[in-house]
Amino acid sequence: MLMPSIFGESFLDDFFDFPFENRFQTAGTGTELMKTDIKDTEDGYEVTMNLPGVKKEDVKAELKDGYLTISASANSNRDEQDSNGRYIRRERYSGSCSRSFYVGDQITEADIKARFENGTLTMQIPKKEEKPAVEDKKYIAIEG
């Protein structure tokens, strides 16, 4: 027999609660993971990303081919037992999500400054001018 949670959640949550799916949605839920603000500053861009409930060691930032990719993973384990140690409910879930931004080929890992504090990732990305490609003059040999 399915019994409701002992920690005061709604009985219907046992049937309709999908915590992992709700946690990683970016619209329409209370926990909007990876909601991002990008501010154009004089020297570059300030990227602020909300990662509620995610630990610093579960956040990774990678720069490859001009794309900055931020990924986060979450693992949760909720065990609830009655006074006799019998399980009333056991829930486990894990997953990951990521977002990518094009920052340009001129940016290197050393240029980007990142700080993670209270579930918020803040990154400073400098502006760099795209260097125009040097046009090589190629001559065609003319016979005659």
N, C-alpha and C. Protein backbone atom coordinates (compact mmCIF):
# COMPACT_ATOMS: atom_id res chain seq x y z
N MET A 1 0.85 -1.18 0.00
CA MET A 1 0.00 0.00 0.00
C MET A 1 0.89 1.24 0.00
N LEU A 2 0.59 2.18 -0.87
CA LEU A 2 1.34 3.42 -0.96
C LEU A 2 0.84 4.38 0.10
N MET A 3 1.75 4.88 0.91
CA MET A 3 1.36 5.79 1.98
C MET A 3 1.93 7.17 1.68
N PRO A 4 1.26 8.22 2.13
CA PRO A 4 1.78 9.57 1.88
C PRO A 4 3.06 9.82 2.65
N SER A 5 3.78 10.84 2.24
CA SER A 5 5.03 11.20 2.87
C SER A 5 4.83 11.58 4.33
N ILE A 6 5.79 11.28 5.16
CA ILE A 6 5.68 11.63 6.57
C ILE A 6 6.19 13.04 6.84
N PHE A 7 6.71 13.73 5.81
CA PHE A 7 7.25 15.06 6.02
C PHE A 7 6.32 16.16 5.53
N GLY A 8 5.03 15.91 5.48
CA GLY A 8 4.06 16.96 5.25
C GLY A 8 3.79 17.32 3.80
N GLU A 9 4.33 16.60 2.83
CA GLU A 9 4.02 16.88 1.45
C GLU A 9 2.64 16.35 1.13
N SER A 10 2.06 16.84 0.08
CA SER A 10 0.72 16.43 -0.33
C SER A 10 0.70 14.95 -0.70
N PHE A 11 -0.40 14.28 -0.38
CA PHE A 11 -0.56 12.87 -0.74
C PHE A 11 -0.48 12.68 -2.25
N LEU A 12 -0.99 13.63 -3.00
CA LEU A 12 -0.97 13.53 -4.46
C LEU A 12 0.45 13.62 -5.02
N ASP A 13 1.38 14.22 -4.26
CA ASP A 13 2.76 14.29 -4.71
C ASP A 13 3.36 12.90 -4.91
N ASP A 14 2.90 11.92 -4.14
CA ASP A 14 3.40 10.57 -4.31
C ASP A 14 3.05 10.00 -5.68
N PHE A 15 1.97 10.50 -6.26
CA PHE A 15 1.55 10.00 -7.57
C PHE A 15 2.05 10.88 -8.72
N PHE A 16 2.12 12.19 -8.49
CA PHE A 16 2.37 13.11 -9.59
C PHE A 16 3.68 13.88 -9.49
N ASP A 17 4.44 13.68 -8.44
CA ASP A 17 5.67 14.44 -8.26
C ASP A 17 6.82 13.78 -9.02
N PHE A 18 7.39 14.53 -9.94
CA PHE A 18 8.56 14.09 -10.69
C PHE A 18 9.66 15.10 -10.42
N PRO A 19 10.33 15.00 -9.28
CA PRO A 19 11.24 16.05 -8.84
C PRO A 19 12.38 16.33 -9.81
N PHE A 20 12.90 15.30 -10.47
CA PHE A 20 14.01 15.53 -11.37
C PHE A 20 13.59 16.37 -12.56
N GLU A 21 12.45 16.02 -13.16
CA GLU A 21 11.99 16.77 -14.32
C GLU A 21 11.69 18.21 -13.95
N ASN A 22 11.03 18.43 -12.83
CA ASN A 22 10.71 19.80 -12.42
C ASN A 22 11.97 20.58 -12.09
N ARG A 23 12.95 19.93 -11.53
CA ARG A 23 14.16 20.61 -11.10
C ARG A 23 14.94 21.19 -12.27
N PHE A 24 14.94 20.53 -13.41
CA PHE A 24 15.77 20.96 -14.52
C PHE A 24 15.01 21.73 -15.59
N GLN A 25 13.74 21.99 -15.40
CA GLN A 25 13.02 22.81 -16.35
C GLN A 25 13.45 24.25 -16.18
N THR A 26 13.35 25.03 -17.24
CA THR A 26 13.77 26.42 -17.14
C THR A 26 12.60 27.40 -17.18
N ALA A 27 11.40 26.92 -17.19
CA ALA A 27 10.26 27.84 -17.18
C ALA A 27 9.10 27.20 -16.45
N GLY A 28 8.39 28.01 -15.70
CA GLY A 28 7.15 27.56 -15.10
C GLY A 28 7.29 26.82 -13.78
N THR A 29 8.50 26.72 -13.23
CA THR A 29 8.65 26.05 -11.94
C THR A 29 9.32 26.99 -10.96
N GLY A 30 9.27 26.63 -9.71
CA GLY A 30 9.89 27.44 -8.67
C GLY A 30 11.40 27.37 -8.71
N THR A 31 11.96 26.24 -9.10
CA THR A 31 13.41 26.11 -9.19
C THR A 31 13.80 26.13 -10.65
N GLU A 32 14.27 27.25 -11.09
CA GLU A 32 14.60 27.41 -12.50
C GLU A 32 16.11 27.28 -12.67
N LEU A 33 16.54 26.06 -12.85
CA LEU A 33 17.95 25.75 -12.96
C LEU A 33 18.52 26.27 -14.27
N MET A 34 19.69 26.85 -14.19
CA MET A 34 20.46 27.36 -15.32
C MET A 34 19.81 28.58 -15.98
N LYS A 35 19.00 29.30 -15.24
CA LYS A 35 18.48 30.56 -15.75
C LYS A 35 19.65 31.53 -15.79
N THR A 36 19.89 32.16 -16.93
CA THR A 36 21.11 32.91 -17.16
C THR A 36 20.84 34.36 -17.51
N ASP A 37 21.62 35.25 -16.93
CA ASP A 37 21.61 36.67 -17.27
C ASP A 37 22.98 37.01 -17.84
N ILE A 38 23.00 37.73 -18.96
CA ILE A 38 24.26 38.15 -19.58
C ILE A 38 24.24 39.67 -19.66
N LYS A 39 25.22 40.27 -19.01
CA LYS A 39 25.30 41.73 -18.95
C LYS A 39 26.50 42.20 -19.76
N ASP A 40 26.26 43.16 -20.65
CA ASP A 40 27.33 43.74 -21.46
C ASP A 40 27.97 44.86 -20.65
N THR A 41 29.25 44.68 -20.29
CA THR A 41 29.97 45.69 -19.53
C THR A 41 30.99 46.36 -20.44
N GLU A 42 31.68 47.35 -19.90
CA GLU A 42 32.65 48.08 -20.70
C GLU A 42 33.80 47.19 -21.18
N ASP A 43 34.24 46.27 -20.29
CA ASP A 43 35.39 45.43 -20.61
C ASP A 43 35.03 44.08 -21.19
N GLY A 44 33.79 43.66 -21.04
CA GLY A 44 33.42 42.33 -21.51
C GLY A 44 31.98 42.00 -21.19
N TYR A 45 31.76 40.75 -20.83
CA TYR A 45 30.42 40.28 -20.51
C TYR A 45 30.44 39.62 -19.13
N GLU A 46 29.38 39.86 -18.37
CA GLU A 46 29.22 39.21 -17.07
C GLU A 46 28.05 38.23 -17.20
N VAL A 47 28.36 36.96 -17.02
CA VAL A 47 27.36 35.90 -17.13
C VAL A 47 27.02 35.43 -15.72
N THR A 48 25.75 35.49 -15.37
CA THR A 48 25.28 35.04 -14.06
C THR A 48 24.28 33.92 -14.29
N MET A 49 24.56 32.75 -13.72
CA MET A 49 23.72 31.57 -13.94
C MET A 49 23.26 31.01 -12.59
N ASN A 50 21.95 30.80 -12.46
CA ASN A 50 21.39 30.22 -11.24
C ASN A 50 21.50 28.70 -11.29
N LEU A 51 22.08 28.13 -10.24
CA LEU A 51 22.23 26.68 -10.11
C LEU A 51 21.81 26.27 -8.70
N PRO A 52 20.53 26.45 -8.35
CA PRO A 52 20.12 26.16 -6.97
C PRO A 52 20.22 24.67 -6.65
N GLY A 53 20.75 24.38 -5.47
CA GLY A 53 20.86 22.99 -5.03
C GLY A 53 22.01 22.22 -5.62
N VAL A 54 22.82 22.86 -6.46
CA VAL A 54 23.97 22.20 -7.10
C VAL A 54 25.23 22.58 -6.33
N LYS A 55 26.09 21.61 -6.10
CA LYS A 55 27.35 21.86 -5.40
C LYS A 55 28.41 22.33 -6.40
N LYS A 56 29.38 23.06 -5.87
CA LYS A 56 30.45 23.60 -6.72
C LYS A 56 31.18 22.49 -7.48
N GLU A 57 31.43 21.36 -6.80
CA GLU A 57 32.18 20.27 -7.46
C GLU A 57 31.37 19.58 -8.56
N ASP A 58 30.07 19.86 -8.65
CA ASP A 58 29.23 19.27 -9.69
C ASP A 58 29.04 20.20 -10.88
N VAL A 59 29.74 21.33 -10.90
CA VAL A 59 29.65 22.29 -11.99
C VAL A 59 30.95 22.26 -12.77
N LYS A 60 30.84 22.16 -14.08
CA LYS A 60 32.02 22.15 -14.96
C LYS A 60 31.84 23.20 -16.05
N ALA A 61 32.93 23.88 -16.39
CA ALA A 61 32.93 24.84 -17.49
C ALA A 61 34.05 24.46 -18.44
N GLU A 62 33.72 24.37 -19.73
CA GLU A 62 34.68 23.95 -20.74
C GLU A 62 34.65 24.92 -21.91
N LEU A 63 35.81 25.24 -22.43
CA LEU A 63 35.93 26.10 -23.60
C LEU A 63 36.53 25.28 -24.72
N LYS A 64 35.76 25.16 -25.81
CA LYS A 64 36.23 24.36 -26.94
C LYS A 64 35.69 24.95 -28.24
N ASP A 65 36.57 25.20 -29.18
CA ASP A 65 36.22 25.73 -30.50
C ASP A 65 35.39 27.01 -30.42
N GLY A 66 35.70 27.85 -29.42
CA GLY A 66 34.99 29.12 -29.29
C GLY A 66 33.68 29.04 -28.53
N TYR A 67 33.29 27.86 -28.08
CA TYR A 67 32.05 27.67 -27.34
C TYR A 67 32.35 27.42 -25.86
N LEU A 68 31.72 28.20 -25.00
CA LEU A 68 31.81 28.00 -23.56
C LEU A 68 30.60 27.15 -23.15
N THR A 69 30.87 25.97 -22.60
CA THR A 69 29.81 25.05 -22.19
C THR A 69 29.86 24.88 -20.68
N ILE A 70 28.74 25.19 -20.03
CA ILE A 70 28.62 25.01 -18.59
C ILE A 70 27.68 23.84 -18.37
N SER A 71 28.13 22.86 -17.59
CA SER A 71 27.30 21.69 -17.30
C SER A 71 27.23 21.50 -15.79
N ALA A 72 26.08 20.99 -15.36
CA ALA A 72 25.86 20.74 -13.94
C ALA A 72 25.18 19.39 -13.78
N SER A 73 25.52 18.69 -12.73
CA SER A 73 24.87 17.42 -12.45
C SER A 73 24.34 17.45 -11.02
N ALA A 74 23.29 16.68 -10.80
CA ALA A 74 22.68 16.63 -9.47
C ALA A 74 22.31 15.20 -9.15
N ASN A 75 22.51 14.85 -7.91
CA ASN A 75 22.13 13.53 -7.41
C ASN A 75 21.36 13.75 -6.12
N SER A 76 20.30 13.00 -5.95
CA SER A 76 19.50 13.15 -4.74
C SER A 76 19.06 11.78 -4.27
N ASN A 77 18.99 11.65 -2.96
CA ASN A 77 18.54 10.40 -2.36
C ASN A 77 17.68 10.77 -1.16
N ARG A 78 16.40 10.46 -1.23
CA ARG A 78 15.49 10.74 -0.11
C ARG A 78 15.02 9.41 0.47
N ASP A 79 15.45 9.12 1.66
CA ASP A 79 14.99 7.93 2.36
C ASP A 79 14.13 8.35 3.53
N GLU A 80 12.95 7.77 3.62
CA GLU A 80 12.07 8.03 4.74
C GLU A 80 11.70 6.69 5.35
N GLN A 81 11.80 6.60 6.68
CA GLN A 81 11.50 5.35 7.37
C GLN A 81 10.54 5.63 8.53
N ASP A 82 9.76 4.63 8.88
CA ASP A 82 8.92 4.77 10.07
C ASP A 82 9.75 4.42 11.30
N SER A 83 9.15 4.42 12.45
CA SER A 83 9.89 4.19 13.69
C SER A 83 10.47 2.78 13.79
N ASN A 84 9.95 1.82 13.02
CA ASN A 84 10.47 0.46 13.03
C ASN A 84 11.55 0.25 11.97
N GLY A 85 11.90 1.28 11.23
CA GLY A 85 12.94 1.16 10.21
C GLY A 85 12.44 0.63 8.88
N ARG A 86 11.14 0.48 8.73
CA ARG A 86 10.59 0.02 7.44
C ARG A 86 10.45 1.21 6.51
N TYR A 87 10.75 0.98 5.28
CA TYR A 87 10.67 2.07 4.31
C TYR A 87 9.22 2.43 4.02
N ILE A 88 8.95 3.71 4.06
CA ILE A 88 7.67 4.23 3.62
C ILE A 88 7.83 4.73 2.18
N ARG A 89 8.98 5.34 1.92
CA ARG A 89 9.25 5.83 0.57
C ARG A 89 10.76 5.94 0.38
N ARG A 90 11.26 5.52 -0.78
CA ARG A 90 12.66 5.70 -1.15
C ARG A 90 12.67 6.27 -2.56
N GLU A 91 13.29 7.41 -2.72
CA GLU A 91 13.39 8.02 -4.03
C GLU A 91 14.83 8.38 -4.31
N ARG A 92 15.28 8.06 -5.50
CA ARG A 92 16.62 8.41 -5.94
C ARG A 92 16.51 8.92 -7.37
N TYR A 93 17.24 9.94 -7.65
CA TYR A 93 17.31 10.41 -9.02
C TYR A 93 18.62 11.15 -9.24
N SER A 94 19.05 11.18 -10.47
CA SER A 94 20.25 11.91 -10.83
C SER A 94 20.11 12.36 -12.28
N GLY A 95 20.87 13.35 -12.63
CA GLY A 95 20.81 13.84 -14.00
C GLY A 95 21.76 14.99 -14.20
N SER A 96 21.80 15.49 -15.41
CA SER A 96 22.67 16.60 -15.72
C SER A 96 22.02 17.48 -16.77
N CYS A 97 22.52 18.70 -16.86
CA CYS A 97 22.06 19.63 -17.89
C CYS A 97 23.24 20.52 -18.26
N SER A 98 23.14 21.16 -19.41
CA SER A 98 24.22 22.02 -19.85
C SER A 98 23.70 23.12 -20.76
N ARG A 99 24.47 24.18 -20.85
CA ARG A 99 24.19 25.28 -21.76
C ARG A 99 25.48 25.69 -22.42
N SER A 100 25.39 26.12 -23.68
CA SER A 100 26.57 26.55 -24.42
C SER A 100 26.37 27.96 -24.95
N PHE A 101 27.46 28.72 -24.98
CA PHE A 101 27.46 30.08 -25.49
C PHE A 101 28.67 30.25 -26.38
N TYR A 102 28.48 30.90 -27.52
CA TYR A 102 29.62 31.19 -28.39
C TYR A 102 30.30 32.45 -27.88
N VAL A 103 31.59 32.34 -27.53
CA VAL A 103 32.35 33.48 -27.01
C VAL A 103 33.44 33.92 -27.98
N GLY A 104 33.68 33.16 -29.02
CA GLY A 104 34.68 33.53 -30.01
C GLY A 104 35.94 32.70 -29.89
N ASP A 105 36.67 32.63 -30.98
CA ASP A 105 37.90 31.83 -31.02
C ASP A 105 39.07 32.53 -30.34
N GLN A 106 38.97 33.84 -30.11
CA GLN A 106 40.08 34.59 -29.52
C GLN A 106 40.17 34.43 -28.00
N ILE A 107 39.11 33.93 -27.36
CA ILE A 107 39.06 33.80 -25.90
C ILE A 107 39.74 32.48 -25.49
N THR A 108 40.55 32.54 -24.42
CA THR A 108 41.19 31.34 -23.89
C THR A 108 40.66 31.09 -22.47
N GLU A 109 40.99 29.91 -21.94
CA GLU A 109 40.54 29.56 -20.59
C GLU A 109 41.09 30.54 -19.55
N ALA A 110 42.30 31.02 -19.77
CA ALA A 110 42.93 31.95 -18.83
C ALA A 110 42.23 33.31 -18.81
N ASP A 111 41.53 33.66 -19.88
CA ASP A 111 40.85 34.95 -19.95
C ASP A 111 39.57 34.99 -19.11
N ILE A 112 38.95 33.84 -18.89
CA ILE A 112 37.65 33.78 -18.22
C ILE A 112 37.85 33.61 -16.72
N LYS A 113 37.18 34.45 -15.95
CA LYS A 113 37.22 34.38 -14.48
C LYS A 113 35.85 33.89 -14.01
N ALA A 114 35.84 32.85 -13.17
CA ALA A 114 34.58 32.26 -12.70
C ALA A 114 34.56 32.19 -11.18
N ARG A 115 33.36 32.38 -10.61
CA ARG A 115 33.17 32.29 -9.15
C ARG A 115 31.81 31.63 -8.91
N PHE A 116 31.79 30.66 -7.98
CA PHE A 116 30.55 29.98 -7.61
C PHE A 116 30.26 30.26 -6.15
N GLU A 117 29.10 30.85 -5.89
CA GLU A 117 28.77 31.25 -4.52
C GLU A 117 27.26 31.19 -4.32
N ASN A 118 26.83 30.48 -3.28
CA ASN A 118 25.42 30.38 -2.91
C ASN A 118 24.52 29.95 -4.07
N GLY A 119 24.96 28.98 -4.84
CA GLY A 119 24.15 28.46 -5.95
C GLY A 119 24.13 29.34 -7.18
N THR A 120 25.03 30.32 -7.25
CA THR A 120 25.09 31.21 -8.41
C THR A 120 26.50 31.19 -9.00
N LEU A 121 26.58 30.91 -10.28
CA LEU A 121 27.85 30.93 -11.00
C LEU A 121 27.95 32.28 -11.71
N THR A 122 29.04 33.00 -11.45
CA THR A 122 29.29 34.28 -12.09
C THR A 122 30.59 34.18 -12.87
N MET A 123 30.54 34.56 -14.14
CA MET A 123 31.72 34.49 -15.00
C MET A 123 31.95 35.83 -15.66
N GLN A 124 33.23 36.24 -15.71
CA GLN A 124 33.64 37.45 -16.40
C GLN A 124 34.35 37.03 -17.69
N ILE A 125 33.80 37.43 -18.82
CA ILE A 125 34.37 37.07 -20.12
C ILE A 125 34.76 38.36 -20.83
N PRO A 126 36.05 38.55 -21.13
CA PRO A 126 36.49 39.80 -21.76
C PRO A 126 36.05 39.87 -23.23
N LYS A 127 35.97 41.09 -23.71
CA LYS A 127 35.69 41.30 -25.13
C LYS A 127 37.04 41.32 -25.85
N LYS A 128 37.11 40.61 -26.93
CA LYS A 128 38.32 40.62 -27.75
C LYS A 128 37.90 40.85 -29.19
N GLU A 129 38.65 41.70 -29.82
CA GLU A 129 38.38 41.99 -31.22
C GLU A 129 38.77 40.80 -32.08
N GLU A 130 37.91 40.48 -33.00
CA GLU A 130 38.26 39.43 -33.97
C GLU A 130 39.34 39.99 -34.88
N LYS A 131 40.42 39.27 -34.97
CA LYS A 131 41.50 39.70 -35.84
C LYS A 131 41.12 39.35 -37.28
N PRO A 132 41.17 40.34 -38.15
CA PRO A 132 40.84 40.03 -39.54
C PRO A 132 41.87 39.07 -40.12
N ALA A 133 41.38 38.15 -40.88
CA ALA A 133 42.28 37.18 -41.50
C ALA A 133 43.20 37.90 -42.48
N VAL A 134 44.46 37.59 -42.39
CA VAL A 134 45.44 38.18 -43.30
C VAL A 134 45.26 37.51 -44.65
N GLU A 135 45.03 38.35 -45.62
CA GLU A 135 44.78 37.81 -46.95
C GLU A 135 46.11 37.54 -47.65
N ASP A 136 46.34 36.29 -47.94
CA ASP A 136 47.54 35.92 -48.67
C ASP A 136 47.30 36.13 -50.16
N LYS A 137 48.22 36.86 -50.76
CA LYS A 137 48.10 37.07 -52.20
C LYS A 137 48.68 35.87 -52.91
N LYS A 138 47.89 35.31 -53.76
CA LYS A 138 48.33 34.14 -54.51
C LYS A 138 48.35 34.52 -55.99
N TYR A 139 49.49 34.34 -56.56
CA TYR A 139 49.66 34.72 -57.95
C TYR A 139 49.54 33.50 -58.84
N ILE A 140 49.04 33.72 -60.00
CA ILE A 140 48.91 32.67 -61.00
C ILE A 140 50.01 32.87 -62.03
N ALA A 141 50.73 31.80 -62.27
CA ALA A 141 51.82 31.88 -63.25
C ALA A 141 51.22 31.99 -64.64
N ILE A 142 51.75 32.91 -65.41
CA ILE A 142 51.27 33.12 -66.77
C ILE A 142 52.36 32.64 -67.73
N GLU A 143 52.01 31.73 -68.56
CA GLU A 143 52.97 31.16 -69.51
C GLU A 143 52.96 31.95 -70.80
N GLY A 144 54.06 31.92 -71.51
CA GLY A 144 54.04 32.51 -72.82
C GLY A 144 55.26 33.20 -73.24
